[in-house]
């Protein structure tokens, strides 16, 4: 099977929520949903967990990251192709008076360079990027 979807942090994090979104879980469990995450998403997940104080919540999230996320999803790099696309999109968007968050640009670039649909529940963070297909599995 080939990868079709790149999951944003908001989607990956949903699996660790106290009350996970049933729609997201249904998509993730679908056998045809072949998903990956971007290296910047991995960064956001690790960073978010490492900022927590030691304790039950942090331990549970570390376990989720290690036993679910790391084992389930390949991590795609922010490589030269993605960086070039991202640079050109940043320049285009800045000329248009927009300045999206840098890390969202990296994630969008990885989705675009691998021809993947970016799955997020924050579509407004990504809808300015040209040519990036978006999906919101919460709806």
N, C-alpha and C. Protein backbone atom coordinates (compact mmCIF):
# COMPACT_ATOMS: atom_id res chain seq x y z
N UNK A 1 0.83 -1.19 0.00
CA UNK A 1 0.00 0.00 0.00
C UNK A 1 0.87 1.25 0.00
N UNK A 2 0.39 2.26 -0.65
CA UNK A 2 1.12 3.51 -0.67
C UNK A 2 0.50 4.50 0.31
N UNK A 3 1.32 5.41 0.78
CA UNK A 3 0.85 6.42 1.72
C UNK A 3 -0.02 7.41 0.96
N UNK A 4 -1.16 7.76 1.55
CA UNK A 4 -2.10 8.70 0.95
C UNK A 4 -2.29 9.96 1.78
N UNK A 5 -2.08 9.85 3.10
CA UNK A 5 -2.41 10.94 4.01
C UNK A 5 -1.22 11.31 4.88
N UNK A 6 -1.07 12.61 5.10
CA UNK A 6 -0.09 13.13 6.05
C UNK A 6 -0.89 13.72 7.20
N UNK A 7 -0.65 13.23 8.40
CA UNK A 7 -1.43 13.64 9.56
C UNK A 7 -0.79 14.83 10.27
N UNK A 8 -1.59 15.84 10.52
CA UNK A 8 -1.14 16.99 11.30
C UNK A 8 -1.13 16.61 12.79
N UNK A 9 -0.46 17.42 13.58
CA UNK A 9 -0.35 17.19 15.01
C UNK A 9 -1.72 17.07 15.67
N UNK A 10 -2.66 17.89 15.25
CA UNK A 10 -4.00 17.86 15.85
C UNK A 10 -4.68 16.50 15.67
N UNK A 11 -4.40 15.82 14.58
CA UNK A 11 -5.01 14.51 14.31
C UNK A 11 -4.31 13.42 15.12
N UNK A 12 -2.98 13.45 15.14
CA UNK A 12 -2.22 12.45 15.89
C UNK A 12 -2.53 12.57 17.38
N UNK A 13 -2.62 13.79 17.86
CA UNK A 13 -2.88 14.04 19.28
C UNK A 13 -4.27 13.56 19.70
N UNK A 14 -5.19 13.56 18.77
CA UNK A 14 -6.56 13.16 19.09
C UNK A 14 -6.64 11.75 19.64
N UNK A 15 -5.75 10.89 19.19
CA UNK A 15 -5.75 9.51 19.66
C UNK A 15 -5.40 9.36 21.13
N UNK A 16 -4.76 10.38 21.70
CA UNK A 16 -4.37 10.33 23.11
C UNK A 16 -5.31 11.14 24.00
N UNK A 17 -6.35 11.71 23.42
CA UNK A 17 -7.28 12.53 24.19
C UNK A 17 -8.09 11.66 25.16
N UNK A 18 -8.56 12.28 26.24
CA UNK A 18 -9.39 11.54 27.20
C UNK A 18 -10.62 10.97 26.53
N UNK A 19 -11.21 11.76 25.63
CA UNK A 19 -12.36 11.33 24.85
C UNK A 19 -12.02 11.54 23.37
N UNK A 20 -11.33 10.57 22.75
CA UNK A 20 -10.92 10.73 21.35
C UNK A 20 -12.11 10.93 20.42
N UNK A 21 -11.90 11.73 19.39
CA UNK A 21 -12.92 11.97 18.38
C UNK A 21 -13.18 10.67 17.62
N UNK A 22 -14.40 10.18 17.68
CA UNK A 22 -14.75 8.90 17.07
C UNK A 22 -14.54 8.92 15.56
N UNK A 23 -14.79 10.04 14.92
CA UNK A 23 -14.61 10.13 13.46
C UNK A 23 -13.14 9.97 13.08
N UNK A 24 -12.28 10.62 13.84
CA UNK A 24 -10.83 10.49 13.56
C UNK A 24 -10.41 9.04 13.74
N UNK A 25 -10.81 8.42 14.84
CA UNK A 25 -10.43 7.03 15.09
C UNK A 25 -10.95 6.10 14.01
N UNK A 26 -12.16 6.35 13.53
CA UNK A 26 -12.73 5.52 12.46
C UNK A 26 -11.86 5.61 11.20
N UNK A 27 -11.43 6.80 10.85
CA UNK A 27 -10.56 6.97 9.68
C UNK A 27 -9.21 6.27 9.89
N UNK A 28 -8.65 6.43 11.07
CA UNK A 28 -7.33 5.84 11.33
C UNK A 28 -7.38 4.31 11.33
N UNK A 29 -8.51 3.76 11.71
CA UNK A 29 -8.66 2.29 11.75
C UNK A 29 -9.03 1.70 10.40
N UNK A 30 -9.43 2.54 9.45
CA UNK A 30 -9.82 2.07 8.13
C UNK A 30 -8.60 1.46 7.45
N UNK A 31 -8.71 0.23 6.95
CA UNK A 31 -7.54 -0.44 6.37
C UNK A 31 -6.95 0.27 5.15
N UNK A 32 -7.75 1.07 4.46
CA UNK A 32 -7.23 1.78 3.29
C UNK A 32 -6.57 3.11 3.63
N UNK A 33 -6.68 3.52 4.89
CA UNK A 33 -6.10 4.81 5.31
C UNK A 33 -4.63 4.63 5.62
N UNK A 34 -3.80 4.80 4.61
CA UNK A 34 -2.37 4.66 4.80
C UNK A 34 -1.79 6.03 5.09
N UNK A 35 -1.28 6.18 6.29
CA UNK A 35 -0.90 7.49 6.80
C UNK A 35 0.57 7.56 7.20
N UNK A 36 1.07 8.79 7.20
CA UNK A 36 2.40 9.10 7.68
C UNK A 36 2.31 10.39 8.47
N UNK A 37 3.40 10.74 9.15
CA UNK A 37 3.50 12.04 9.79
C UNK A 37 4.77 12.71 9.29
N UNK A 38 4.79 14.03 9.40
CA UNK A 38 5.94 14.82 8.99
C UNK A 38 6.90 14.96 10.17
N UNK A 39 8.19 15.07 9.89
CA UNK A 39 9.18 15.27 10.95
C UNK A 39 8.81 16.45 11.86
N UNK A 40 8.31 17.58 11.32
CA UNK A 40 7.90 18.67 12.22
C UNK A 40 6.74 18.30 13.14
N UNK A 41 5.87 17.39 12.72
CA UNK A 41 4.80 16.92 13.60
C UNK A 41 5.41 16.11 14.74
N UNK A 42 6.35 15.25 14.41
CA UNK A 42 7.06 14.47 15.44
C UNK A 42 7.70 15.44 16.44
N UNK A 43 8.34 16.49 15.92
CA UNK A 43 8.95 17.51 16.77
C UNK A 43 7.91 18.12 17.72
N UNK A 44 6.76 18.51 17.19
CA UNK A 44 5.72 19.13 18.02
C UNK A 44 5.24 18.17 19.11
N UNK A 45 5.09 16.90 18.77
CA UNK A 45 4.64 15.91 19.74
C UNK A 45 5.66 15.72 20.86
N UNK A 46 6.92 15.51 20.49
CA UNK A 46 7.98 15.30 21.49
C UNK A 46 8.15 16.56 22.35
N UNK A 47 8.18 17.70 21.72
CA UNK A 47 8.32 18.97 22.43
C UNK A 47 7.18 19.18 23.42
N UNK A 48 5.97 18.94 22.97
CA UNK A 48 4.81 19.10 23.85
C UNK A 48 4.88 18.19 25.07
N UNK A 49 5.30 16.97 24.87
CA UNK A 49 5.41 16.02 25.98
C UNK A 49 6.55 16.42 26.91
N UNK A 50 7.69 16.78 26.34
CA UNK A 50 8.85 17.11 27.17
C UNK A 50 8.66 18.38 28.00
N UNK A 51 7.70 19.19 27.64
CA UNK A 51 7.42 20.39 28.42
C UNK A 51 6.58 20.08 29.66
N UNK A 52 5.97 18.90 29.69
CA UNK A 52 5.14 18.51 30.83
C UNK A 52 6.01 18.10 32.01
N UNK A 53 5.52 18.33 33.22
CA UNK A 53 6.27 17.84 34.39
C UNK A 53 6.17 16.32 34.46
N UNK A 54 7.16 15.69 35.09
CA UNK A 54 7.07 14.23 35.25
C UNK A 54 5.77 13.86 35.96
N UNK A 55 5.20 12.75 35.54
CA UNK A 55 3.97 12.31 36.17
C UNK A 55 3.20 11.35 35.29
N UNK A 56 2.00 11.03 35.73
CA UNK A 56 1.15 10.06 35.05
C UNK A 56 0.78 10.51 33.63
N UNK A 57 0.39 11.79 33.48
CA UNK A 57 0.00 12.28 32.16
C UNK A 57 1.16 12.20 31.18
N UNK A 58 2.32 12.67 31.60
CA UNK A 58 3.49 12.63 30.72
C UNK A 58 3.87 11.20 30.37
N UNK A 59 3.87 10.32 31.35
CA UNK A 59 4.20 8.91 31.09
C UNK A 59 3.25 8.27 30.10
N UNK A 60 1.97 8.57 30.25
CA UNK A 60 0.97 8.03 29.33
C UNK A 60 1.18 8.52 27.91
N UNK A 61 1.49 9.81 27.77
CA UNK A 61 1.72 10.37 26.43
C UNK A 61 3.02 9.83 25.82
N UNK A 62 4.05 9.66 26.64
CA UNK A 62 5.30 9.08 26.14
C UNK A 62 5.06 7.66 25.64
N UNK A 63 4.24 6.91 26.38
CA UNK A 63 3.89 5.55 25.98
C UNK A 63 3.11 5.55 24.67
N UNK A 64 2.14 6.46 24.53
CA UNK A 64 1.36 6.60 23.30
C UNK A 64 2.28 6.93 22.11
N UNK A 65 3.21 7.83 22.33
CA UNK A 65 4.14 8.22 21.27
C UNK A 65 5.00 7.03 20.83
N UNK A 66 5.51 6.30 21.79
CA UNK A 66 6.42 5.19 21.51
C UNK A 66 5.70 3.95 20.96
N UNK A 67 4.56 3.60 21.56
CA UNK A 67 3.92 2.33 21.18
C UNK A 67 2.86 2.45 20.10
N UNK A 68 2.32 3.66 19.90
CA UNK A 68 1.30 3.83 18.87
C UNK A 68 1.83 4.63 17.70
N UNK A 69 2.21 5.86 17.96
CA UNK A 69 2.60 6.76 16.86
C UNK A 69 3.84 6.26 16.14
N UNK A 70 4.90 6.01 16.88
CA UNK A 70 6.17 5.61 16.25
C UNK A 70 6.04 4.29 15.49
N UNK A 71 5.24 3.39 15.98
CA UNK A 71 5.07 2.08 15.34
C UNK A 71 4.08 2.11 14.18
N UNK A 72 3.18 3.08 14.18
CA UNK A 72 2.10 3.10 13.19
C UNK A 72 2.37 3.94 11.96
N UNK A 73 3.18 5.00 12.11
CA UNK A 73 3.31 5.96 11.03
C UNK A 73 4.76 6.22 10.66
N UNK A 74 5.09 6.06 9.38
CA UNK A 74 6.42 6.49 8.95
C UNK A 74 6.55 8.00 9.15
N UNK A 75 7.75 8.46 9.42
CA UNK A 75 8.01 9.88 9.62
C UNK A 75 8.76 10.39 8.39
N UNK A 76 8.13 11.33 7.68
CA UNK A 76 8.70 11.87 6.44
C UNK A 76 9.53 13.12 6.73
N UNK A 77 10.70 13.18 6.13
CA UNK A 77 11.65 14.26 6.39
C UNK A 77 11.29 15.55 5.66
N UNK A 78 11.75 16.64 6.21
CA UNK A 78 11.70 17.95 5.57
C UNK A 78 12.99 18.03 4.76
N UNK A 79 12.91 17.64 3.51
CA UNK A 79 14.10 17.53 2.66
C UNK A 79 14.26 18.72 1.73
N UNK A 80 15.19 18.63 0.81
CA UNK A 80 15.47 19.74 -0.10
C UNK A 80 14.25 20.10 -0.96
N UNK A 81 13.54 19.10 -1.46
CA UNK A 81 12.37 19.37 -2.29
C UNK A 81 11.31 20.13 -1.49
N UNK A 82 11.04 19.66 -0.27
CA UNK A 82 10.05 20.33 0.58
C UNK A 82 10.52 21.73 0.96
N UNK A 83 11.80 21.87 1.28
CA UNK A 83 12.33 23.18 1.68
C UNK A 83 12.25 24.19 0.54
N UNK A 84 12.51 23.75 -0.66
CA UNK A 84 12.43 24.65 -1.82
C UNK A 84 10.99 25.10 -2.04
N UNK A 85 10.06 24.16 -2.02
CA UNK A 85 8.64 24.52 -2.19
C UNK A 85 8.20 25.48 -1.08
N UNK A 86 8.59 25.17 0.15
CA UNK A 86 8.22 25.99 1.29
C UNK A 86 8.77 27.41 1.14
N UNK A 87 10.00 27.55 0.73
CA UNK A 87 10.60 28.88 0.55
C UNK A 87 9.82 29.70 -0.48
N UNK A 88 9.49 29.06 -1.58
CA UNK A 88 8.75 29.76 -2.64
C UNK A 88 7.34 30.13 -2.19
N UNK A 89 6.70 29.24 -1.46
CA UNK A 89 5.35 29.53 -0.94
C UNK A 89 5.41 30.65 0.10
N UNK A 90 6.41 30.63 0.98
CA UNK A 90 6.54 31.71 1.98
C UNK A 90 6.68 33.05 1.29
N UNK A 91 7.54 33.09 0.28
CA UNK A 91 7.75 34.36 -0.45
C UNK A 91 6.45 34.80 -1.13
N UNK A 92 5.74 33.86 -1.75
CA UNK A 92 4.48 34.19 -2.43
C UNK A 92 3.46 34.71 -1.43
N UNK A 93 3.33 34.03 -0.30
CA UNK A 93 2.35 34.43 0.71
C UNK A 93 2.72 35.77 1.35
N UNK A 94 3.99 36.00 1.59
CA UNK A 94 4.41 37.29 2.15
C UNK A 94 4.11 38.43 1.18
N UNK A 95 4.31 38.19 -0.11
CA UNK A 95 3.96 39.23 -1.09
C UNK A 95 2.46 39.52 -1.06
N UNK A 96 1.67 38.52 -0.68
CA UNK A 96 0.22 38.69 -0.59
C UNK A 96 -0.21 39.20 0.79
N UNK A 97 0.75 39.51 1.64
CA UNK A 97 0.44 40.04 2.96
C UNK A 97 0.09 39.00 4.01
N UNK A 98 0.45 37.75 3.78
CA UNK A 98 0.16 36.67 4.72
C UNK A 98 1.48 36.10 5.26
N UNK A 99 1.45 35.65 6.50
CA UNK A 99 2.64 35.02 7.06
C UNK A 99 2.23 33.85 7.96
N UNK A 100 2.00 32.70 7.33
CA UNK A 100 1.59 31.52 8.10
C UNK A 100 2.75 31.04 8.99
N UNK A 101 2.42 30.33 10.07
CA UNK A 101 3.46 29.81 10.95
C UNK A 101 4.46 28.93 10.17
N UNK A 102 5.73 29.08 10.51
CA UNK A 102 6.79 28.38 9.80
C UNK A 102 6.59 26.87 9.82
N UNK A 103 6.27 26.33 10.99
CA UNK A 103 6.14 24.87 11.10
C UNK A 103 4.97 24.35 10.27
N UNK A 104 3.89 25.12 10.17
CA UNK A 104 2.77 24.71 9.31
C UNK A 104 3.22 24.68 7.85
N UNK A 105 4.07 25.62 7.48
CA UNK A 105 4.63 25.62 6.13
C UNK A 105 5.48 24.39 5.86
N UNK A 106 6.24 23.97 6.85
CA UNK A 106 7.04 22.76 6.69
C UNK A 106 6.15 21.54 6.49
N UNK A 107 5.11 21.45 7.28
CA UNK A 107 4.18 20.31 7.18
C UNK A 107 3.49 20.33 5.82
N UNK A 108 3.02 21.49 5.40
CA UNK A 108 2.37 21.61 4.08
C UNK A 108 3.34 21.23 2.97
N UNK A 109 4.60 21.65 3.10
CA UNK A 109 5.61 21.35 2.08
C UNK A 109 5.85 19.85 1.96
N UNK A 110 5.88 19.16 3.07
CA UNK A 110 6.08 17.71 3.04
C UNK A 110 4.87 17.04 2.39
N UNK A 111 3.67 17.50 2.73
CA UNK A 111 2.47 16.94 2.09
C UNK A 111 2.52 17.18 0.59
N UNK A 112 2.82 18.40 0.19
CA UNK A 112 2.85 18.74 -1.24
C UNK A 112 3.93 17.94 -1.97
N UNK A 113 5.12 17.89 -1.42
CA UNK A 113 6.23 17.23 -2.13
C UNK A 113 6.04 15.72 -2.25
N UNK A 114 5.21 15.14 -1.40
CA UNK A 114 4.92 13.69 -1.47
C UNK A 114 3.55 13.41 -2.10
N UNK A 115 2.87 14.48 -2.56
CA UNK A 115 1.55 14.35 -3.17
C UNK A 115 0.56 13.65 -2.24
N UNK A 116 0.53 14.10 -0.98
CA UNK A 116 -0.35 13.51 0.03
C UNK A 116 -1.43 14.51 0.43
N UNK A 117 -2.54 13.99 0.88
CA UNK A 117 -3.59 14.82 1.45
C UNK A 117 -3.23 15.09 2.91
N UNK A 118 -3.21 16.36 3.27
CA UNK A 118 -2.89 16.76 4.64
C UNK A 118 -4.17 16.73 5.47
N UNK A 119 -4.16 15.91 6.51
CA UNK A 119 -5.33 15.76 7.37
C UNK A 119 -5.12 16.59 8.64
N UNK A 120 -6.05 17.51 8.88
CA UNK A 120 -5.95 18.40 10.03
C UNK A 120 -7.35 18.85 10.43
N UNK A 121 -7.50 19.22 11.68
CA UNK A 121 -8.76 19.85 12.06
C UNK A 121 -8.58 21.37 12.12
N UNK A 122 -7.43 21.84 11.65
CA UNK A 122 -7.12 23.27 11.56
C UNK A 122 -6.88 23.65 10.10
N UNK A 123 -7.86 23.39 9.24
CA UNK A 123 -7.66 23.64 7.81
C UNK A 123 -7.32 25.10 7.51
N UNK A 124 -7.80 26.02 8.33
CA UNK A 124 -7.51 27.44 8.07
C UNK A 124 -6.01 27.74 8.20
N UNK A 125 -5.27 26.91 8.94
CA UNK A 125 -3.83 27.10 9.05
C UNK A 125 -3.11 26.78 7.75
N UNK A 126 -3.76 26.01 6.90
CA UNK A 126 -3.09 25.49 5.71
C UNK A 126 -3.74 25.90 4.39
N UNK A 127 -4.91 26.50 4.43
CA UNK A 127 -5.63 26.74 3.18
C UNK A 127 -5.02 27.80 2.27
N UNK A 128 -4.05 28.56 2.75
CA UNK A 128 -3.38 29.55 1.89
C UNK A 128 -2.29 28.94 1.03
N UNK A 129 -1.85 27.74 1.37
CA UNK A 129 -0.77 27.09 0.62
C UNK A 129 -1.30 26.53 -0.69
N UNK A 130 -0.67 26.91 -1.78
CA UNK A 130 -1.12 26.50 -3.12
C UNK A 130 -0.87 25.02 -3.36
N UNK A 131 -1.91 24.35 -3.84
CA UNK A 131 -1.76 22.97 -4.29
C UNK A 131 -1.78 21.91 -3.20
N UNK A 132 -2.00 22.29 -1.96
CA UNK A 132 -2.05 21.31 -0.88
C UNK A 132 -3.49 20.85 -0.69
N UNK A 133 -3.70 19.54 -0.83
CA UNK A 133 -5.02 18.96 -0.60
C UNK A 133 -5.23 18.81 0.90
N UNK A 134 -6.40 19.23 1.37
CA UNK A 134 -6.70 19.17 2.80
C UNK A 134 -7.91 18.30 3.07
N UNK A 135 -7.90 17.65 4.22
CA UNK A 135 -9.05 16.89 4.71
C UNK A 135 -9.19 17.13 6.20
N UNK A 136 -10.44 17.21 6.65
CA UNK A 136 -10.73 17.36 8.08
C UNK A 136 -11.56 16.15 8.50
N UNK A 137 -10.94 15.24 9.21
CA UNK A 137 -11.60 14.01 9.61
C UNK A 137 -12.49 14.18 10.83
N UNK A 138 -12.61 15.40 11.34
CA UNK A 138 -13.50 15.61 12.48
C UNK A 138 -14.92 15.90 12.03
N UNK A 139 -15.11 16.11 10.73
CA UNK A 139 -16.45 16.45 10.20
C UNK A 139 -17.06 15.30 9.44
